[in-house]
Amino acid sequence: MRLSILTAALQELTPRERRDADPDLGVEEWLEFARQIGAPNIELSAALHPTESDVPAAALLDPVANTLDLREPFSAARAARVRRAMQSTRVGLSDLAYFDNMLAADESLRHRKHELMRRVFDAAVLLGADAVAGFVGRNPALSLDANLVMFEEVFVPLLKEAQARGLTYRVEQCPMPGWTIGDTWHNNIAYAPGPWIALHRICERHGVGDQFRIHYDPSHAILMGQDSRSVFQYLKDAGYDFLITGFHVKGQVIDSRGISAWGYGGQTMQRGDWRGAQPSTDPVEQRHAWKKQTVFCEHELPGTARHDPLAYLQNRTVDWLDHQLAARELLRIDPEKTFLVVEHEYPKARVQDKSRLAPILSASLAFTRAIDEAAAAMYALQHEVLPAQGIAVQGIGREAYRS
């Protein structure tokens, strides 16, 4: 598969005081950094500027970079500058990304986010990308069923705008449990195969089924007690094995002690994001809402977690080899046209210093490439070479739904 790396969680590789004054400098410097670490592509992150965002950076688990600065619309002149940098570094774009709540309850805020998403669409066209990755989100004031109605009313029009530009919208499935300081856990309604199918059926009714696809991240499956093989098998069984068309390569390591204390719902009380009966207004304290997640797990940069066969069997960390093999066996993808986008959110290693970060990311990219090549070789042996000679494949392997 094709390698890429997401720029989102590495927001200070070009310090803000430099890139705010020169909005495309951060993109140029990221392309050069990608060349140095051996990333042939980047997934270019956009976000509301901190002066415009409704969520302060201090309240976020992973502050997101507006590497692509769209305070002003992306122009042909800006695109030409970025294309020159792409040509000189020989680093391409897998896609553009803007991860935000597209179903925000406040209408004016939602309008601002949709306007930025339309600017991302326009930038993707100018830069020759064919897809944008993002969230659906949730209106926390409504039930999940009511959010399906809202999706039809306000999100489908966005997909029609993507369609008009020849783009696909790939939805990442993170449930975003700490996105609000309320007690809701599913704050992005596109969190699992059941919701994906329900949303896709709505899209099909409006002629934008081809625009709605999934950018699958195995870390979120682990977060919800799932494993990739079973998720992929379910999609195939339901006839929706075409939905996943891109991958984030990010792991999750479950802390069994945290599960013993709180279960998979995470910390439900005394988190520190409320003061008595009232939500805290302090962004630093609002960040404690993420204890719904962080008390029982930690993100993994691919290759940084120890090999743990028991954890694989318990769905408590990503079995990368089986992940890549299962994608080939169960999904309707063309591996040579499918991107693996490395996403770095391992807290202890998410330093904002290029000299320290470069060897970490280089090694993680090398790990991702090697695992994928191994999976490709296994697939070829088991599904092409041996069957062509009438030789049976050995063993059973990991089975979907097995308990």
Protein backbone atom coordinates (compact mmCIF):
# COMPACT_ATOMS: atom_id res chain seq x y z
CA MET A 1 0.00 0.00 0.00
CA ARG A 2 1.00 3.66 -0.29
CA LEU A 3 2.52 5.40 2.73
CA SER A 4 1.61 8.82 4.05
CA ILE A 5 1.82 10.69 7.35
CA LEU A 6 -0.72 13.01 9.00
CA THR A 7 0.49 16.48 9.94
CA ALA A 8 -2.32 17.18 12.45
CA ALA A 9 -0.91 16.41 15.91
CA LEU A 10 2.52 17.92 15.17
CA GLN A 11 1.41 21.51 15.19
CA GLU A 12 4.64 23.21 16.25
CA LEU A 13 7.18 21.83 13.76
CA THR A 14 6.89 25.29 12.26
CA PRO A 15 6.27 27.63 15.21
CA ARG A 16 3.02 29.54 15.03
CA GLU A 17 4.62 32.97 15.07
CA ARG A 18 6.39 32.06 11.82
CA ARG A 19 3.57 30.30 10.01
CA ASP A 20 0.84 32.77 11.01
CA ALA A 21 2.77 35.48 9.19
CA ASP A 22 3.40 33.23 6.16
CA PRO A 23 0.42 30.84 5.83
CA ASP A 24 2.08 28.38 3.42
CA LEU A 25 5.45 28.15 5.16
CA GLY A 26 4.25 25.31 7.38
CA VAL A 27 3.24 23.24 4.35
CA GLU A 28 6.61 23.81 2.67
CA GLU A 29 8.53 22.85 5.80
CA TRP A 30 6.36 19.77 6.37
CA LEU A 31 7.00 18.58 2.82
CA GLU A 32 10.75 18.93 3.37
CA PHE A 33 10.50 17.14 6.73
CA ALA A 34 8.52 14.32 5.08
CA ARG A 35 11.31 13.95 2.52
CA GLN A 36 13.89 13.70 5.29
CA ILE A 37 12.02 10.99 7.21
CA GLY A 38 11.16 8.93 4.13
CA ALA A 39 7.43 9.67 3.90
CA PRO A 40 6.44 9.70 0.22
CA ASN A 41 3.17 11.52 0.97
CA ILE A 42 1.52 13.65 3.63
CA GLU A 43 -2.08 13.97 4.77
CA LEU A 44 -2.32 17.73 5.05
CA SER A 45 -4.22 18.96 8.11
CA ALA A 46 -6.48 21.98 8.22
CA ALA A 47 -8.27 23.30 11.30
CA LEU A 48 -9.90 26.41 12.61
CA HIS A 49 -7.23 28.85 13.72
CA PRO A 50 -6.98 29.02 17.56
CA THR A 51 -8.46 32.53 17.41
CA GLU A 52 -11.56 31.11 15.69
CA SER A 53 -11.95 27.69 17.34
CA ASP A 54 -14.75 26.91 19.79
CA VAL A 55 -12.52 24.44 21.69
CA PRO A 56 -9.38 25.90 23.31
CA ALA A 57 -6.18 23.95 22.64
CA ALA A 58 -5.75 23.43 26.39
CA ALA A 59 -8.97 21.40 26.44
CA LEU A 60 -7.87 19.03 23.67
CA LEU A 61 -6.23 15.66 24.15
CA ASP A 62 -4.36 16.13 20.87
CA PRO A 63 -4.20 19.79 19.76
CA VAL A 64 -4.68 19.87 16.00
CA ALA A 65 -2.49 21.78 13.56
CA ASN A 66 -3.83 24.07 10.90
CA THR A 67 -0.80 23.19 8.77
CA LEU A 68 -2.99 24.24 5.86
CA ASP A 69 -3.95 27.75 6.98
CA LEU A 70 -7.35 28.61 5.51
CA ARG A 71 -8.17 31.80 7.37
CA GLU A 72 -8.22 33.11 3.81
CA PRO A 73 -9.38 30.94 0.90
CA PHE A 74 -6.67 28.94 -0.84
CA SER A 75 -5.79 30.68 -4.10
CA ALA A 76 -4.25 29.50 -7.36
CA ALA A 77 -1.07 31.40 -6.45
CA ARG A 78 -0.84 29.64 -3.09
CA ALA A 79 -1.48 26.30 -4.77
CA ALA A 80 1.32 26.95 -7.27
CA ARG A 81 3.73 27.63 -4.40
CA VAL A 82 2.78 24.39 -2.62
CA ARG A 83 2.98 22.41 -5.87
CA ARG A 84 6.52 23.72 -6.42
CA ALA A 85 7.46 22.48 -2.96
CA MET A 86 5.87 19.10 -3.70
CA GLN A 87 7.84 18.87 -6.93
CA SER A 88 11.17 19.84 -5.34
CA THR A 89 10.76 17.40 -2.42
CA ARG A 90 9.04 14.69 -4.50
CA VAL A 91 6.48 14.32 -1.70
CA GLY A 92 2.84 14.02 -2.67
CA LEU A 93 -0.55 14.32 -0.98
CA SER A 94 -2.63 11.33 0.03
CA ASP A 95 -5.52 13.67 0.89
CA LEU A 96 -6.46 16.71 2.94
CA ALA A 97 -7.96 16.45 6.42
CA TYR A 98 -10.13 18.61 8.65
CA PHE A 99 -11.36 16.85 11.80
CA ASP A 100 -14.14 18.80 13.48
CA ASN A 101 -17.78 18.52 14.54
CA MET A 102 -19.87 19.03 11.41
CA LEU A 103 -23.10 18.58 13.43
CA ALA A 104 -22.36 21.27 16.02
CA ALA A 105 -25.53 22.37 17.82
CA ASP A 106 -24.92 26.11 17.44
CA GLU A 107 -25.98 27.15 13.93
CA SER A 108 -23.50 30.02 13.54
CA LEU A 109 -20.63 27.83 14.75
CA ARG A 110 -21.70 25.01 12.43
CA HIS A 111 -21.81 27.46 9.53
CA ARG A 112 -18.22 28.53 10.31
CA LYS A 113 -17.04 24.91 10.32
CA HIS A 114 -18.87 24.08 7.11
CA GLU A 115 -17.37 27.14 5.45
CA LEU A 116 -13.88 25.95 6.40
CA MET A 117 -14.69 22.48 5.08
CA ARG A 118 -15.73 24.00 1.75
CA ARG A 119 -12.37 25.81 1.67
CA VAL A 120 -10.66 22.46 2.30
CA PHE A 121 -12.62 21.00 -0.63
CA ASP A 122 -11.46 23.85 -2.87
CA ALA A 123 -7.85 23.45 -1.72
CA ALA A 124 -7.99 19.72 -2.45
CA VAL A 125 -9.07 20.45 -6.01
CA LEU A 126 -6.32 23.02 -6.52
CA LEU A 127 -3.70 20.60 -5.16
CA GLY A 128 -4.91 17.61 -7.18
CA ALA A 129 -6.14 15.51 -4.23
CA ASP A 130 -9.22 13.35 -4.74
CA ALA A 131 -10.32 12.94 -1.12
CA VAL A 132 -10.81 14.80 2.14
CA ALA A 133 -10.85 13.08 5.55
CA GLY A 134 -12.87 14.28 8.51
CA PHE A 135 -15.52 13.53 11.10
CA VAL A 136 -19.28 13.63 10.99
CA GLY A 137 -19.61 14.70 14.62
CA ARG A 138 -22.72 14.90 16.79
CA ASN A 139 -25.19 17.40 18.15
CA PRO A 140 -24.91 16.49 21.85
CA ALA A 141 -28.29 18.04 22.58
CA LEU A 142 -30.02 15.40 20.44
CA SER A 143 -30.43 11.65 20.60
CA LEU A 144 -28.42 9.54 18.19
CA ASP A 145 -31.55 8.83 16.13
CA ALA A 146 -32.26 12.57 15.92
CA ASN A 147 -28.67 13.05 14.79
CA LEU A 148 -29.41 10.81 11.80
CA VAL A 149 -32.12 13.28 10.79
CA MET A 150 -29.72 16.18 11.29
CA PHE A 151 -27.08 14.35 9.23
CA GLU A 152 -29.55 14.16 6.36
CA GLU A 153 -30.40 17.84 6.68
CA VAL A 154 -26.98 19.44 7.11
CA PHE A 155 -24.25 16.91 6.22
CA VAL A 156 -25.65 15.55 2.97
CA PRO A 157 -25.45 19.06 1.41
CA LEU A 158 -21.71 19.04 2.22
CA LEU A 159 -21.38 15.72 0.41
CA LYS A 160 -23.16 17.23 -2.60
CA GLU A 161 -20.54 19.98 -2.63
CA ALA A 162 -17.81 17.34 -2.47
CA GLN A 163 -19.51 15.52 -5.36
CA ALA A 164 -19.58 18.71 -7.44
CA ARG A 165 -15.81 18.96 -7.00
CA GLY A 166 -15.13 15.28 -7.78
CA LEU A 167 -14.10 14.50 -4.19
CA THR A 168 -14.68 11.65 -1.76
CA TYR A 169 -15.27 12.37 1.95
CA ARG A 170 -13.59 9.76 4.13
CA VAL A 171 -14.98 9.64 7.66
CA GLU A 172 -12.72 8.64 10.54
CA GLN A 173 -14.56 6.59 13.15
CA CYS A 174 -13.21 7.95 16.46
CA PRO A 175 -16.13 8.20 18.93
CA MET A 176 -14.50 11.30 20.48
CA PRO A 177 -15.62 10.53 24.07
CA GLY A 178 -13.82 13.53 25.58
CA TRP A 179 -15.05 16.03 23.00
CA THR A 180 -17.66 17.30 25.45
CA ILE A 181 -17.68 17.55 29.23
CA GLY A 182 -21.08 15.89 29.35
CA ASP A 183 -21.42 12.17 29.93
CA THR A 184 -22.05 11.19 26.30
CA TRP A 185 -19.44 8.80 24.95
CA HIS A 186 -20.34 8.69 21.25
CA ASN A 187 -19.75 12.26 20.08
CA ASN A 188 -19.05 11.30 16.47
CA ILE A 189 -22.02 9.28 15.21
CA ALA A 190 -19.97 7.49 12.52
CA TYR A 191 -18.13 5.32 15.05
CA ALA A 192 -18.70 1.71 13.89
CA PRO A 193 -19.97 -0.42 10.97
CA GLY A 194 -23.64 -0.29 12.06
CA PRO A 195 -23.73 3.52 11.99
CA TRP A 196 -21.65 3.64 8.78
CA ILE A 197 -24.23 1.53 6.99
CA ALA A 198 -27.14 3.60 8.34
CA LEU A 199 -25.42 6.82 7.21
CA HIS A 200 -24.51 5.40 3.82
CA ARG A 201 -28.13 4.42 3.18
CA ILE A 202 -29.14 8.02 3.83
CA CYS A 203 -26.45 9.17 1.41
CA GLU A 204 -27.65 6.73 -1.25
CA ARG A 205 -31.17 8.16 -1.06
CA HIS A 206 -29.71 11.55 -1.98
CA GLY A 207 -27.36 10.37 -4.72
CA VAL A 208 -24.12 10.89 -2.77
CA GLY A 209 -23.41 7.31 -1.68
CA ASP A 210 -20.16 7.33 -3.65
CA GLN A 211 -18.95 10.38 -1.72
CA PHE A 212 -19.32 8.76 1.72
CA ARG A 213 -16.44 6.46 2.61
CA ILE A 214 -14.56 5.44 5.75
CA HIS A 215 -11.01 6.33 6.78
CA TYR A 216 -10.49 3.38 9.13
CA ASP A 217 -8.33 3.76 12.23
CA PRO A 218 -7.72 0.52 14.18
CA SER A 219 -6.96 2.40 17.40
CA HIS A 220 -10.63 3.34 17.69
CA ALA A 221 -11.73 -0.25 17.20
CA ILE A 222 -9.47 -1.26 20.10
CA LEU A 223 -10.96 1.60 22.13
CA MET A 224 -14.40 0.00 21.69
CA GLY A 225 -13.35 -3.63 22.26
CA GLN A 226 -13.37 -4.51 18.54
CA ASP A 227 -10.73 -6.06 16.29
CA SER A 228 -10.09 -5.22 12.65
CA ARG A 229 -10.73 -8.69 11.26
CA SER A 230 -14.20 -8.86 12.80
CA VAL A 231 -15.04 -5.30 11.70
CA PHE A 232 -13.97 -6.09 8.13
CA GLN A 233 -15.80 -9.42 8.16
CA TYR A 234 -19.00 -7.71 9.34
CA LEU A 235 -18.78 -5.22 6.48
CA LYS A 236 -18.26 -8.06 4.00
CA ASP A 237 -21.16 -10.07 5.45
CA ALA A 238 -23.42 -7.01 5.17
CA GLY A 239 -22.33 -6.24 1.59
CA TYR A 240 -20.50 -3.05 2.55
CA ASP A 241 -16.91 -4.21 2.10
CA PHE A 242 -16.43 -1.27 -0.28
CA LEU A 243 -16.88 1.41 2.41
CA ILE A 244 -13.29 1.52 3.73
CA THR A 245 -10.99 3.22 1.23
CA GLY A 246 -8.21 4.60 3.42
CA PHE A 247 -6.46 3.88 6.70
CA HIS A 248 -4.99 5.76 9.59
CA VAL A 249 -2.13 3.72 11.03
CA LYS A 250 -2.40 4.40 14.73
CA GLY A 251 -2.56 1.90 17.56
CA GLN A 252 -4.08 1.77 21.00
CA VAL A 253 -2.71 -0.02 24.04
CA ILE A 254 -5.32 -0.97 26.62
CA ASP A 255 -4.40 -0.76 30.32
CA SER A 256 -6.08 -3.78 31.92
CA ARG A 257 -5.89 -2.10 35.31
CA GLY A 258 -7.91 0.82 33.96
CA ILE A 259 -10.48 -1.57 32.50
CA SER A 260 -10.75 -3.26 35.89
CA ALA A 261 -11.44 0.09 37.53
CA TRP A 262 -13.81 1.68 35.02
CA GLY A 263 -14.64 -0.63 32.11
CA TYR A 264 -14.68 0.45 28.49
CA GLY A 265 -16.80 3.52 29.30
CA GLY A 266 -13.83 5.10 31.05
CA GLN A 267 -14.01 7.31 34.13
CA THR A 268 -17.61 8.33 34.68
CA MET A 269 -17.37 10.52 37.79
CA GLN A 270 -14.97 12.75 39.71
CA ARG A 271 -12.96 13.45 36.57
CA GLY A 272 -12.28 17.11 37.38
CA ASP A 273 -14.12 18.59 34.37
CA TRP A 274 -17.04 19.66 36.59
CA ARG A 275 -17.14 21.85 39.69
CA GLY A 276 -19.93 20.45 41.79
CA ALA A 277 -23.11 20.54 39.72
CA GLN A 278 -21.73 22.89 37.07
CA PRO A 279 -19.36 22.26 34.15
CA SER A 280 -15.97 23.85 34.59
CA THR A 281 -15.25 26.87 32.43
CA ASP A 282 -11.48 26.34 32.74
CA PRO A 283 -10.12 24.75 29.52
CA VAL A 284 -7.39 22.95 31.45
CA GLU A 285 -10.03 21.33 33.64
CA GLN A 286 -12.27 20.61 30.63
CA ARG A 287 -9.46 18.44 29.30
CA HIS A 288 -10.21 15.97 32.09
CA ALA A 289 -13.28 14.93 30.08
CA TRP A 290 -10.83 12.77 28.11
CA LYS A 291 -10.50 10.50 31.15
CA LYS A 292 -13.47 8.73 29.56
CA GLN A 293 -10.70 7.34 27.35
CA THR A 294 -7.27 7.89 28.87
CA VAL A 295 -7.86 6.03 32.14
CA PHE A 296 -7.82 2.73 30.25
CA CYS A 297 -5.75 3.25 27.12
CA GLU A 298 -2.90 5.10 25.43
CA HIS A 299 -2.28 5.77 21.75
CA GLU A 300 0.48 3.86 19.99
CA LEU A 301 2.69 5.11 17.19
CA PRO A 302 3.06 1.99 15.00
CA GLY A 303 6.03 -0.06 16.16
CA THR A 304 6.43 1.57 19.58
CA ALA A 305 4.34 -0.92 21.58
CA ARG A 306 5.90 -4.24 22.60
CA HIS A 307 4.88 -7.35 20.69
CA ASP A 308 2.13 -8.87 22.85
CA PRO A 309 0.35 -11.96 21.43
CA LEU A 310 -2.05 -12.19 24.39
CA ALA A 311 -3.10 -8.56 23.94
CA TYR A 312 -3.77 -9.28 20.25
CA LEU A 313 -6.10 -12.12 21.19
CA GLN A 314 -7.89 -9.94 23.74
CA ASN A 315 -8.24 -7.05 21.26
CA ARG A 316 -6.21 -4.86 23.61
CA THR A 317 -3.63 -3.72 21.09
CA VAL A 318 -3.44 -3.77 17.29
CA ASP A 319 -2.16 -6.93 15.62
CA TRP A 320 -0.64 -5.02 12.71
CA LEU A 321 0.18 -8.04 10.56
CA ASP A 322 -3.34 -9.45 10.80
CA HIS A 323 -4.78 -5.97 10.29
CA GLN A 324 -3.01 -5.67 6.94
CA LEU A 325 -3.74 -9.26 5.94
CA ALA A 326 -7.44 -8.97 6.86
CA ALA A 327 -7.78 -5.78 4.82
CA ARG A 328 -6.59 -7.67 1.74
CA GLU A 329 -8.71 -10.73 2.45
CA LEU A 330 -12.00 -9.07 3.38
CA LEU A 331 -12.21 -5.55 1.93
CA ARG A 332 -12.84 -4.51 -1.64
CA ILE A 333 -9.66 -2.44 -2.00
CA ASP A 334 -6.87 -2.09 -4.52
CA PRO A 335 -3.80 -2.15 -2.24
CA GLU A 336 -1.61 -0.30 -4.73
CA LYS A 337 -4.04 2.65 -4.70
CA THR A 338 -4.83 2.58 -0.96
CA PHE A 339 -3.07 4.86 1.55
CA LEU A 340 -1.73 3.92 4.96
CA VAL A 341 -1.50 7.24 6.79
CA VAL A 342 0.71 7.08 9.88
CA GLU A 343 -0.82 9.16 12.67
CA HIS A 344 1.42 10.09 15.59
CA GLU A 345 -0.43 10.59 18.87
CA TYR A 346 1.74 8.54 21.26
CA PRO A 347 1.85 11.09 24.10
CA LYS A 348 5.34 10.39 25.44
CA ALA A 349 6.94 10.65 22.00
CA ARG A 350 4.90 13.48 20.53
CA VAL A 351 7.70 15.99 20.83
CA GLN A 352 7.59 19.12 18.67
CA ASP A 353 11.30 19.03 17.84
CA LYS A 354 12.29 17.86 14.36
CA SER A 355 15.71 16.57 15.40
CA ARG A 356 14.20 14.31 18.07
CA LEU A 357 11.09 13.42 16.12
CA ALA A 358 12.77 12.49 12.82
CA PRO A 359 14.30 9.14 13.90
CA ILE A 360 11.08 8.17 15.69
CA LEU A 361 8.88 8.80 12.67
CA SER A 362 11.42 7.31 10.25
CA ALA A 363 11.44 4.07 12.23
CA SER A 364 7.65 3.98 12.51
CA LEU A 365 7.28 4.49 8.77
CA ALA A 366 9.82 1.72 8.17
CA PHE A 367 7.87 -0.57 10.51
CA THR A 368 4.59 0.21 8.73
CA ARG A 369 6.15 -0.43 5.33
CA ALA A 370 7.72 -3.73 6.44
CA ILE A 371 4.52 -5.04 8.06
CA ASP A 372 2.52 -4.21 4.95
CA GLU A 373 5.07 -5.90 2.69
CA ALA A 374 4.98 -8.99 4.91
CA ALA A 375 1.17 -9.05 4.74
CA ALA A 376 1.32 -8.71 0.96
CA ALA A 377 3.73 -11.66 0.74
CA MET A 378 1.53 -13.78 3.03
CA TYR A 379 -1.55 -12.93 1.00
CA ALA A 380 0.16 -13.84 -2.26
CA LEU A 381 1.42 -17.16 -0.90
CA GLN A 382 -1.89 -18.18 0.66
CA HIS A 383 -4.32 -16.87 -1.94
CA GLU A 384 -2.38 -17.07 -5.21
CA VAL A 385 0.82 -19.14 -5.20
CA LEU A 386 -0.29 -22.23 -3.25
CA PRO A 387 -3.83 -22.42 -4.74
CA ALA A 388 -2.35 -22.21 -8.24
CA GLN A 389 -0.51 -25.46 -7.51
CA GLY A 390 -3.37 -27.14 -5.65
CA ILE A 391 -1.56 -26.99 -2.31
CA ALA A 392 -3.58 -26.43 0.86
CA VAL A 393 -2.85 -23.53 3.24
CA GLN A 394 -1.78 -24.55 6.73
CA GLY A 395 -3.48 -23.78 10.04
CA ILE A 396 -6.56 -21.80 10.97
CA GLY A 397 -5.37 -18.25 11.69
CA ARG A 398 -7.25 -15.55 13.54
CA GLU A 399 -11.00 -15.93 13.09
CA ALA A 400 -13.60 -13.16 13.08
CA TYR A 401 -16.11 -13.13 15.96
CA ARG A 402 -14.20 -15.81 17.86
CA SER A 403 -14.54 -15.42 21.64
